[in-house]
Amino acid sequence: MAAAAALARLEQKQPRTRGPTSQDAIRNQVRKELRAEATGSGSPDAPGTNSVPEPREEGSIQLAVPAVLFICPLTGATLRKDQREAHIREAILEHFSTDPVAASIMKIHTFNKDRDRVKLGVDTIAKYLDNIHLHPEEEKYRKIKLQNKVFQERINCLEGTHEFFEAVGFQKVTLSVPDQEGPEEFYVLSEAAQARPQRLEQHKTQLLAAEPVRATLDRQRRVFRPSPLASQFDLPGDFFNLTAEELRREQRLRSDAVARLSMLRTQAMRDKEGQRELRKYTYTLLRVRLPDGCLLQGTFYARERLAAVYAFVREALHSDWLPCELLASGGQKLLEDESLALNECGLVPSALLTFSWDAAVLEDMKAAGAEPTSILKPELLLAIEKLS
């Protein structure tokens, strides 16, 4: 309605007696694009792309997936986005009872968000441990002064560092300092830890190689029977960087396409608008239509590479060693290219892809009488659903 009103206002401003002009052609193009968008077929100049779906009130309609979900690598629990940080923090703290060294390392890398500061602190700890390993007879290297400027600025400010020192065998001791009135606190390496220098070297390697503990995206793999609803996607709000209200406003502002397309725009302007579009989506839901009509569905990050989609599909195939191809809705082949992200291919916030075996290989198999009869693994077919 907003787009139609904008078109009507433009027509009222133009003289009725003149013949066709370039503005008429532009408005006709706008009408085509708006019509195409309304039917979900995308822009006529960009086959295979997907229009922004109207946001749905969760609970008012059957969603394609309930939400974007994640899996905790420590517990295996399935989590919503807002549950990740608290759950992982609790899981790491519980890990102290079984492996305090590993737990303290996870805490250092996960609880501290400034990666540069973490690297500086970790490198400094590694230097302390190297000095002990390289100079086993030097007592001074087995003591670390807590009020030392380097220790305070690089290590004391990080969560988990004190737990690490204590877990690898340091003990906090108050010692007198020559030429100083009062005593000071030190970490002193225990005799038991001194007797096992190779363990300190192992802990150092473990500390340097560690990464933050992050929940992994749950693909939420599902298999559906053949359905005419394959290209219809109703997505929950957390698939978008925009709030539901912002997304509704985006839909209302579609009428601005008339004004924008009525201007002469440079390629740079078009590229900039395209980049803004890419940033709107964090996740995407993909369905792959198989040769037998069944649908394989999974959730991906919008910036994941096409290779991840190919890997996801192969994991579900009965003959996962056979070369295969994926086609976008416009018919173009999606190359398994590590350099291309899903959002760069227009596969956001959802898309329906078509699967096919490599034609040359399939012909050779037919000639040999070994054509694949089953597409998906049997265990997936047992869980097949009806798409609704």
Protein backbone atom coordinates (compact mmCIF):
# COMPACT_ATOMS: atom_id res chain seq x y z
CA MET A 1 0.00 0.00 0.00
CA ALA A 2 2.84 2.39 0.83
CA ALA A 3 4.54 1.64 -2.48
CA ALA A 4 1.30 2.15 -4.41
CA ALA A 5 0.70 5.48 -2.66
CA ALA A 6 4.21 6.65 -3.53
CA LEU A 7 3.70 5.72 -7.18
CA ALA A 8 0.39 7.57 -7.25
CA ARG A 9 1.99 10.74 -5.86
CA LEU A 10 4.70 10.60 -8.50
CA GLU A 11 2.13 10.17 -11.30
CA GLN A 12 0.09 13.15 -10.09
CA LYS A 13 3.17 15.39 -10.41
CA GLN A 14 3.73 14.48 -14.07
CA PRO A 15 1.80 16.06 -17.02
CA ARG A 16 -0.77 13.71 -18.52
CA THR A 17 -0.15 14.78 -22.13
CA ARG A 18 3.48 13.81 -22.54
CA GLY A 19 4.66 10.55 -24.10
CA PRO A 20 6.74 7.81 -22.48
CA THR A 21 9.97 8.97 -20.83
CA SER A 22 12.85 7.41 -18.99
CA GLN A 23 11.02 8.16 -15.73
CA ASP A 24 8.10 6.04 -16.97
CA ALA A 25 10.51 3.21 -17.67
CA ILE A 26 12.01 3.53 -14.21
CA ARG A 27 8.59 3.46 -12.57
CA ASN A 28 7.66 0.38 -14.60
CA GLN A 29 10.85 -1.28 -13.39
CA VAL A 30 9.93 -0.34 -9.80
CA ARG A 31 6.49 -1.89 -10.26
CA LYS A 32 8.07 -5.11 -11.52
CA GLU A 33 10.48 -5.25 -8.59
CA LEU A 34 7.79 -4.55 -6.02
CA ARG A 35 5.51 -7.16 -7.60
CA ALA A 36 8.36 -9.68 -7.64
CA GLU A 37 9.16 -8.89 -4.04
CA ALA A 38 5.54 -9.30 -2.98
CA THR A 39 5.45 -12.78 -4.54
CA GLY A 40 8.78 -13.72 -2.96
CA SER A 41 10.56 -14.24 -6.28
CA GLY A 42 13.18 -11.54 -5.70
CA SER A 43 14.32 -8.77 -8.01
CA PRO A 44 13.92 -9.55 -11.72
CA ASP A 45 17.50 -8.39 -12.21
CA ALA A 46 18.87 -10.69 -9.53
CA PRO A 47 17.52 -14.23 -9.96
CA GLY A 48 18.03 -16.49 -7.01
CA THR A 49 18.01 -13.75 -4.37
CA ASN A 50 15.55 -13.70 -1.48
CA SER A 51 13.32 -10.87 -0.33
CA VAL A 52 13.16 -9.89 3.33
CA PRO A 53 10.39 -11.93 4.97
CA GLU A 54 7.75 -10.20 7.01
CA PRO A 55 8.66 -10.77 10.68
CA ARG A 56 6.24 -13.03 12.50
CA GLU A 57 5.12 -12.92 16.07
CA GLU A 58 6.66 -16.02 17.59
CA GLY A 59 3.93 -18.39 18.70
CA SER A 60 1.38 -17.02 16.22
CA ILE A 61 2.60 -19.25 13.36
CA GLN A 62 4.53 -22.46 12.84
CA LEU A 63 8.16 -21.30 12.59
CA ALA A 64 10.70 -23.09 10.40
CA VAL A 65 12.91 -23.37 13.51
CA PRO A 66 11.99 -22.41 17.08
CA ALA A 67 15.05 -20.17 17.51
CA VAL A 68 18.75 -19.95 16.77
CA LEU A 69 20.25 -22.56 19.10
CA PHE A 70 23.77 -23.40 20.24
CA ILE A 71 25.56 -26.37 21.82
CA CYS A 72 27.90 -26.06 24.80
CA PRO A 73 31.15 -27.93 24.00
CA LEU A 74 31.69 -28.76 27.68
CA THR A 75 28.27 -30.14 28.63
CA GLY A 76 26.54 -30.80 25.31
CA ALA A 77 23.55 -28.73 26.46
CA THR A 78 21.40 -26.97 23.85
CA LEU A 79 21.20 -23.22 24.54
CA ARG A 80 19.45 -20.12 23.29
CA LYS A 81 21.59 -17.09 22.46
CA ASP A 82 20.92 -15.36 25.77
CA GLN A 83 21.84 -18.50 27.76
CA ARG A 84 25.31 -19.10 26.30
CA GLU A 85 27.57 -16.93 28.44
CA ALA A 86 26.09 -17.83 31.82
CA HIS A 87 25.99 -21.55 31.03
CA ILE A 88 29.60 -21.70 29.81
CA ARG A 89 30.80 -19.70 32.82
CA GLU A 90 29.08 -22.13 35.18
CA ALA A 91 30.44 -25.15 33.28
CA ILE A 92 34.02 -23.83 33.49
CA LEU A 93 33.72 -23.14 37.22
CA GLU A 94 32.40 -26.67 37.79
CA HIS A 95 35.40 -28.04 35.86
CA PHE A 96 37.74 -26.81 38.63
CA SER A 97 36.75 -29.80 40.78
CA THR A 98 38.10 -32.29 38.21
CA ASP A 99 40.90 -30.46 36.35
CA PRO A 100 41.90 -27.13 37.92
CA VAL A 101 44.69 -26.47 35.41
CA ALA A 102 42.44 -26.87 32.37
CA ALA A 103 39.65 -24.93 34.08
CA SER A 104 41.92 -21.99 34.94
CA ILE A 105 43.22 -21.89 31.35
CA MET A 106 39.65 -21.89 30.01
CA LYS A 107 38.79 -19.11 32.45
CA ILE A 108 41.72 -16.95 31.32
CA HIS A 109 40.86 -17.29 27.63
CA THR A 110 37.06 -17.14 27.96
CA PHE A 111 36.23 -14.71 30.77
CA ASN A 112 38.55 -11.94 29.55
CA LYS A 113 37.21 -10.31 26.39
CA ASP A 114 40.21 -8.18 25.40
CA ARG A 115 42.17 -10.62 23.23
CA ASP A 116 45.27 -8.41 23.04
CA ARG A 117 45.42 -8.13 26.82
CA VAL A 118 44.95 -11.90 27.17
CA LYS A 119 47.80 -12.60 24.74
CA LEU A 120 50.13 -10.24 26.60
CA GLY A 121 49.28 -11.85 29.94
CA VAL A 122 49.61 -15.40 28.62
CA ASP A 123 52.96 -14.63 26.99
CA THR A 124 54.22 -13.15 30.28
CA ILE A 125 53.17 -16.25 32.25
CA ALA A 126 54.90 -18.41 29.64
CA LYS A 127 58.06 -16.36 30.13
CA TYR A 128 57.95 -16.98 33.90
CA LEU A 129 57.65 -20.75 33.29
CA ASP A 130 60.41 -20.70 30.65
CA ASN A 131 62.80 -19.06 33.10
CA ILE A 132 62.16 -21.84 35.61
CA HIS A 133 62.68 -24.52 32.96
CA LEU A 134 65.85 -22.95 31.52
CA HIS A 135 67.40 -22.03 34.90
CA PRO A 136 66.38 -24.82 37.31
CA GLU A 137 69.13 -23.93 39.79
CA GLU A 138 68.24 -20.23 40.03
CA GLU A 139 66.02 -19.68 43.06
CA LYS A 140 65.03 -16.17 41.96
CA TYR A 141 63.05 -17.55 39.00
CA ARG A 142 60.95 -19.74 41.30
CA LYS A 143 59.57 -16.66 43.06
CA ILE A 144 57.17 -14.13 41.55
CA LYS A 145 56.59 -10.86 43.36
CA LEU A 146 52.85 -10.05 43.25
CA GLN A 147 53.40 -6.30 43.53
CA ASN A 148 55.82 -6.33 40.62
CA LYS A 149 54.73 -3.75 38.04
CA VAL A 150 54.76 -6.25 35.16
CA PHE A 151 52.72 -8.76 37.17
CA GLN A 152 50.16 -6.13 38.19
CA GLU A 153 49.74 -4.63 34.71
CA ARG A 154 49.74 -7.82 32.64
CA ILE A 155 48.59 -10.68 34.87
CA ASN A 156 46.75 -9.52 37.96
CA CYS A 157 44.15 -7.76 35.82
CA LEU A 158 43.05 -11.01 34.14
CA GLU A 159 40.46 -13.42 35.56
CA GLY A 160 41.80 -16.93 36.09
CA THR A 161 45.52 -16.17 36.35
CA HIS A 162 45.76 -16.65 40.11
CA GLU A 163 43.90 -19.95 39.83
CA PHE A 164 46.39 -21.04 37.15
CA PHE A 165 49.47 -20.30 39.24
CA GLU A 166 48.03 -22.20 42.19
CA ALA A 167 46.90 -25.13 39.99
CA VAL A 168 50.38 -25.64 38.48
CA GLY A 169 52.09 -25.67 41.87
CA PHE A 170 52.74 -22.12 43.07
CA GLN A 171 51.93 -21.18 46.63
CA LYS A 172 51.24 -17.70 47.92
CA VAL A 173 53.81 -16.84 50.59
CA THR A 174 54.62 -13.65 52.53
CA LEU A 175 58.37 -13.00 52.55
CA SER A 176 60.64 -10.29 53.88
CA VAL A 177 62.47 -8.24 51.27
CA PRO A 178 66.06 -6.99 51.82
CA ASP A 179 66.33 -3.24 52.31
CA GLN A 180 62.58 -2.95 52.73
CA GLU A 181 60.62 -2.38 55.92
CA GLY A 182 57.59 -4.59 55.43
CA PRO A 183 57.18 -8.09 53.92
CA GLU A 184 55.57 -8.73 50.52
CA GLU A 185 53.52 -11.47 48.90
CA PHE A 186 55.13 -13.85 46.40
CA TYR A 187 54.14 -16.87 44.41
CA VAL A 188 56.73 -19.53 45.22
CA LEU A 189 56.95 -22.79 43.28
CA SER A 190 56.42 -25.77 45.57
CA GLU A 191 59.02 -28.51 45.90
CA ALA A 192 56.62 -31.05 44.37
CA ALA A 193 56.26 -28.89 41.26
CA GLN A 194 60.02 -28.32 41.09
CA ALA A 195 60.49 -32.09 40.97
CA ARG A 196 58.36 -32.34 37.81
CA PRO A 197 59.64 -29.62 35.46
CA GLN A 198 58.21 -31.41 32.43
CA ARG A 199 54.71 -30.87 33.82
CA LEU A 200 55.29 -27.10 33.90
CA GLU A 201 56.35 -27.25 30.26
CA GLN A 202 53.16 -29.14 29.38
CA HIS A 203 51.01 -26.60 31.23
CA LYS A 204 52.77 -23.75 29.40
CA THR A 205 52.08 -25.37 26.01
CA GLN A 206 48.47 -25.94 27.00
CA LEU A 207 48.09 -22.31 28.07
CA LEU A 208 49.57 -20.92 24.86
CA ALA A 209 47.50 -23.16 22.57
CA ALA A 210 44.13 -22.61 24.24
CA GLU A 211 41.21 -20.74 22.69
CA PRO A 212 38.10 -19.19 24.26
CA VAL A 213 35.30 -21.67 24.97
CA ARG A 214 32.44 -20.76 22.66
CA ALA A 215 29.10 -22.43 22.12
CA THR A 216 28.84 -23.87 18.61
CA LEU A 217 25.92 -23.16 16.32
CA ASP A 218 23.37 -25.98 16.36
CA ARG A 219 22.60 -26.85 12.73
CA GLN A 220 19.21 -28.17 13.88
CA ARG A 221 19.28 -30.65 11.01
CA ARG A 222 15.83 -31.78 9.89
CA VAL A 223 14.55 -33.81 6.94
CA PHE A 224 11.17 -33.18 5.35
CA ARG A 225 9.06 -35.05 2.84
CA PRO A 226 8.53 -33.43 -0.59
CA SER A 227 6.35 -30.35 -0.10
CA PRO A 228 5.01 -27.39 -2.13
CA LEU A 229 5.91 -25.26 0.93
CA ALA A 230 9.64 -25.85 0.42
CA SER A 231 10.38 -22.21 -0.48
CA GLN A 232 8.30 -20.71 2.35
CA PHE A 233 10.26 -19.69 5.44
CA ASP A 234 8.84 -18.23 8.65
CA LEU A 235 11.84 -17.29 10.77
CA PRO A 236 12.13 -16.27 14.44
CA GLY A 237 13.36 -12.76 15.21
CA ASP A 238 16.85 -13.81 16.32
CA PHE A 239 17.77 -14.59 12.70
CA PHE A 240 18.07 -10.84 12.17
CA ASN A 241 20.32 -8.11 13.49
CA LEU A 242 17.23 -5.88 13.44
CA THR A 243 14.51 -5.92 16.05
CA ALA A 244 11.02 -6.95 14.97
CA GLU A 245 9.92 -3.30 14.93
CA GLU A 246 12.95 -2.28 12.86
CA LEU A 247 12.19 -5.08 10.45
CA ARG A 248 8.59 -3.87 10.06
CA ARG A 249 9.91 -0.39 9.39
CA GLU A 250 12.18 -1.85 6.71
CA GLN A 251 9.12 -3.31 5.04
CA ARG A 252 7.29 0.02 5.16
CA LEU A 253 10.31 1.79 3.70
CA ARG A 254 10.15 -0.39 0.60
CA SER A 255 8.17 2.40 -0.98
CA ASP A 256 11.38 4.44 -0.96
CA ALA A 257 12.54 2.20 -3.78
CA VAL A 258 10.57 4.46 -6.10
CA ALA A 259 12.60 7.51 -5.13
CA ARG A 260 15.89 5.64 -5.11
CA LEU A 261 15.39 4.03 -8.48
CA SER A 262 14.26 7.37 -9.93
CA MET A 263 17.77 8.70 -9.27
CA LEU A 264 20.88 8.04 -11.29
CA ARG A 265 23.08 6.11 -8.86
CA THR A 266 26.72 5.25 -9.24
CA GLN A 267 28.04 1.72 -8.89
CA ALA A 268 29.73 2.79 -5.65
CA MET A 269 26.35 3.84 -4.24
CA ARG A 270 24.84 0.49 -5.21
CA ASP A 271 27.77 -1.40 -3.67
CA LYS A 272 27.42 0.54 -0.42
CA GLU A 273 23.72 -0.29 -0.19
CA GLY A 274 24.55 -3.92 -0.90
CA GLN A 275 27.02 -3.99 2.00
CA ARG A 276 24.37 -2.59 4.33
CA GLU A 277 22.05 -5.39 3.25
CA LEU A 278 24.68 -8.03 4.03
CA ARG A 279 25.09 -6.79 7.61
CA LYS A 280 21.39 -7.16 8.41
CA TYR A 281 21.62 -10.89 8.86
CA THR A 282 23.66 -12.95 11.31
CA TYR A 283 22.18 -16.36 10.49
CA THR A 284 20.51 -18.06 7.58
CA LEU A 285 18.25 -21.09 7.22
CA LEU A 286 18.92 -23.25 4.17
CA ARG A 287 16.89 -26.05 2.64
CA VAL A 288 18.33 -28.40 0.05
CA ARG A 289 15.91 -30.16 -2.29
CA LEU A 290 17.23 -33.63 -3.08
CA PRO A 291 16.63 -35.60 -6.32
CA ASP A 292 13.78 -37.56 -4.67
CA GLY A 293 12.09 -34.32 -3.57
CA CYS A 294 12.96 -34.65 0.12
CA LEU A 295 14.29 -31.55 1.88
CA LEU A 296 17.36 -31.28 4.09
CA GLN A 297 17.32 -28.21 6.39
CA GLY A 298 20.07 -26.60 8.48
CA THR A 299 21.03 -23.33 10.20
CA PHE A 300 24.25 -21.48 9.31
CA TYR A 301 26.04 -18.25 10.10
CA ALA A 302 25.45 -15.74 7.32
CA ARG A 303 29.22 -15.32 6.95
CA GLU A 304 30.01 -19.03 6.75
CA ARG A 305 31.53 -20.27 3.52
CA LEU A 306 29.81 -22.39 0.90
CA ALA A 307 32.18 -25.21 1.83
CA ALA A 308 30.33 -25.53 5.16
CA VAL A 309 27.05 -26.16 3.33
CA TYR A 310 28.64 -28.82 1.13
CA ALA A 311 30.10 -30.50 4.22
CA PHE A 312 26.69 -30.40 5.95
CA VAL A 313 25.01 -32.04 2.94
CA ARG A 314 27.69 -34.72 2.56
CA GLU A 315 27.32 -35.70 6.21
CA ALA A 316 23.69 -36.59 5.49
CA LEU A 317 24.30 -38.56 2.27
CA HIS A 318 24.30 -42.34 2.06
CA SER A 319 26.99 -42.12 -0.65
CA ASP A 320 28.98 -39.25 0.80
CA TRP A 321 31.99 -39.94 -1.43
CA LEU A 322 30.21 -39.08 -4.68
CA PRO A 323 30.81 -35.59 -6.18
CA CYS A 324 27.72 -33.40 -5.98
CA GLU A 325 26.56 -29.91 -6.89
CA LEU A 326 24.29 -27.30 -5.28
CA LEU A 327 22.24 -24.89 -7.37
CA ALA A 328 20.63 -21.62 -6.26
CA SER A 329 17.00 -20.90 -7.09
CA GLY A 330 18.02 -19.08 -10.25
CA GLY A 331 19.77 -22.21 -11.54
CA GLN A 332 23.37 -21.02 -11.11
CA LYS A 333 25.84 -23.51 -9.67
CA LEU A 334 27.22 -22.66 -6.22
CA LEU A 335 30.91 -23.46 -6.36
CA GLU A 336 32.52 -24.98 -3.29
CA ASP A 337 34.67 -21.87 -2.90
CA GLU A 338 36.26 -21.07 0.46
CA SER A 339 36.36 -17.38 -0.45
CA LEU A 340 32.59 -16.94 -0.86
CA ALA A 341 30.32 -16.39 2.14
CA LEU A 342 26.62 -17.25 2.14
CA ASN A 343 25.54 -13.63 2.48
CA GLU A 344 27.75 -12.67 -0.46
CA CYS A 345 25.85 -15.24 -2.55
CA GLY A 346 22.48 -13.78 -1.53
CA LEU A 347 21.59 -16.86 0.53
CA VAL A 348 20.23 -14.87 3.49
CA PRO A 349 18.14 -14.90 5.62
CA SER A 350 16.86 -18.11 3.99
CA ALA A 351 17.14 -19.94 0.69
CA LEU A 352 16.07 -23.08 -1.12
CA LEU A 353 18.88 -24.88 -2.94
CA THR A 354 18.76 -27.81 -5.35
CA PHE A 355 21.04 -30.83 -5.04
CA SER A 356 22.32 -32.90 -7.95
CA TRP A 357 24.99 -35.50 -8.45
CA ASP A 358 27.93 -34.63 -10.67
CA ALA A 359 26.54 -35.38 -14.16
CA ALA A 360 29.68 -36.99 -15.58
CA VAL A 361 30.19 -39.28 -12.58
CA LEU A 362 26.51 -40.22 -12.55
CA GLU A 363 26.65 -41.21 -16.23
CA ASP A 364 29.65 -43.42 -15.57
CA MET A 365 27.83 -45.10 -12.68
CA LYS A 366 24.71 -45.67 -14.77
CA ALA A 367 26.81 -47.26 -17.47
CA ALA A 368 28.35 -49.55 -14.85
CA GLY A 369 24.95 -50.34 -13.31
CA ALA A 370 25.89 -48.78 -9.99
CA GLU A 371 23.56 -45.76 -9.87
CA PRO A 372 22.90 -44.65 -6.26
CA THR A 373 19.43 -45.73 -5.16
CA SER A 374 19.34 -44.11 -1.71
CA ILE A 375 20.11 -40.41 -1.12
CA LEU A 376 20.04 -39.92 2.64
CA LYS A 377 21.39 -42.10 5.42
CA PRO A 378 18.77 -44.55 6.75
CA GLU A 379 18.76 -43.04 10.26
CA LEU A 380 17.77 -39.66 8.85
CA LEU A 381 14.92 -41.15 6.84
CA LEU A 382 13.56 -42.68 10.03
CA ALA A 383 13.15 -39.15 11.45
CA ILE A 384 11.59 -37.59 8.33
CA GLU A 385 8.86 -35.00 8.98
CA LYS A 386 6.02 -33.32 7.16
CA LEU A 387 6.71 -29.66 6.38
CA SER A 388 3.91 -27.45 7.68
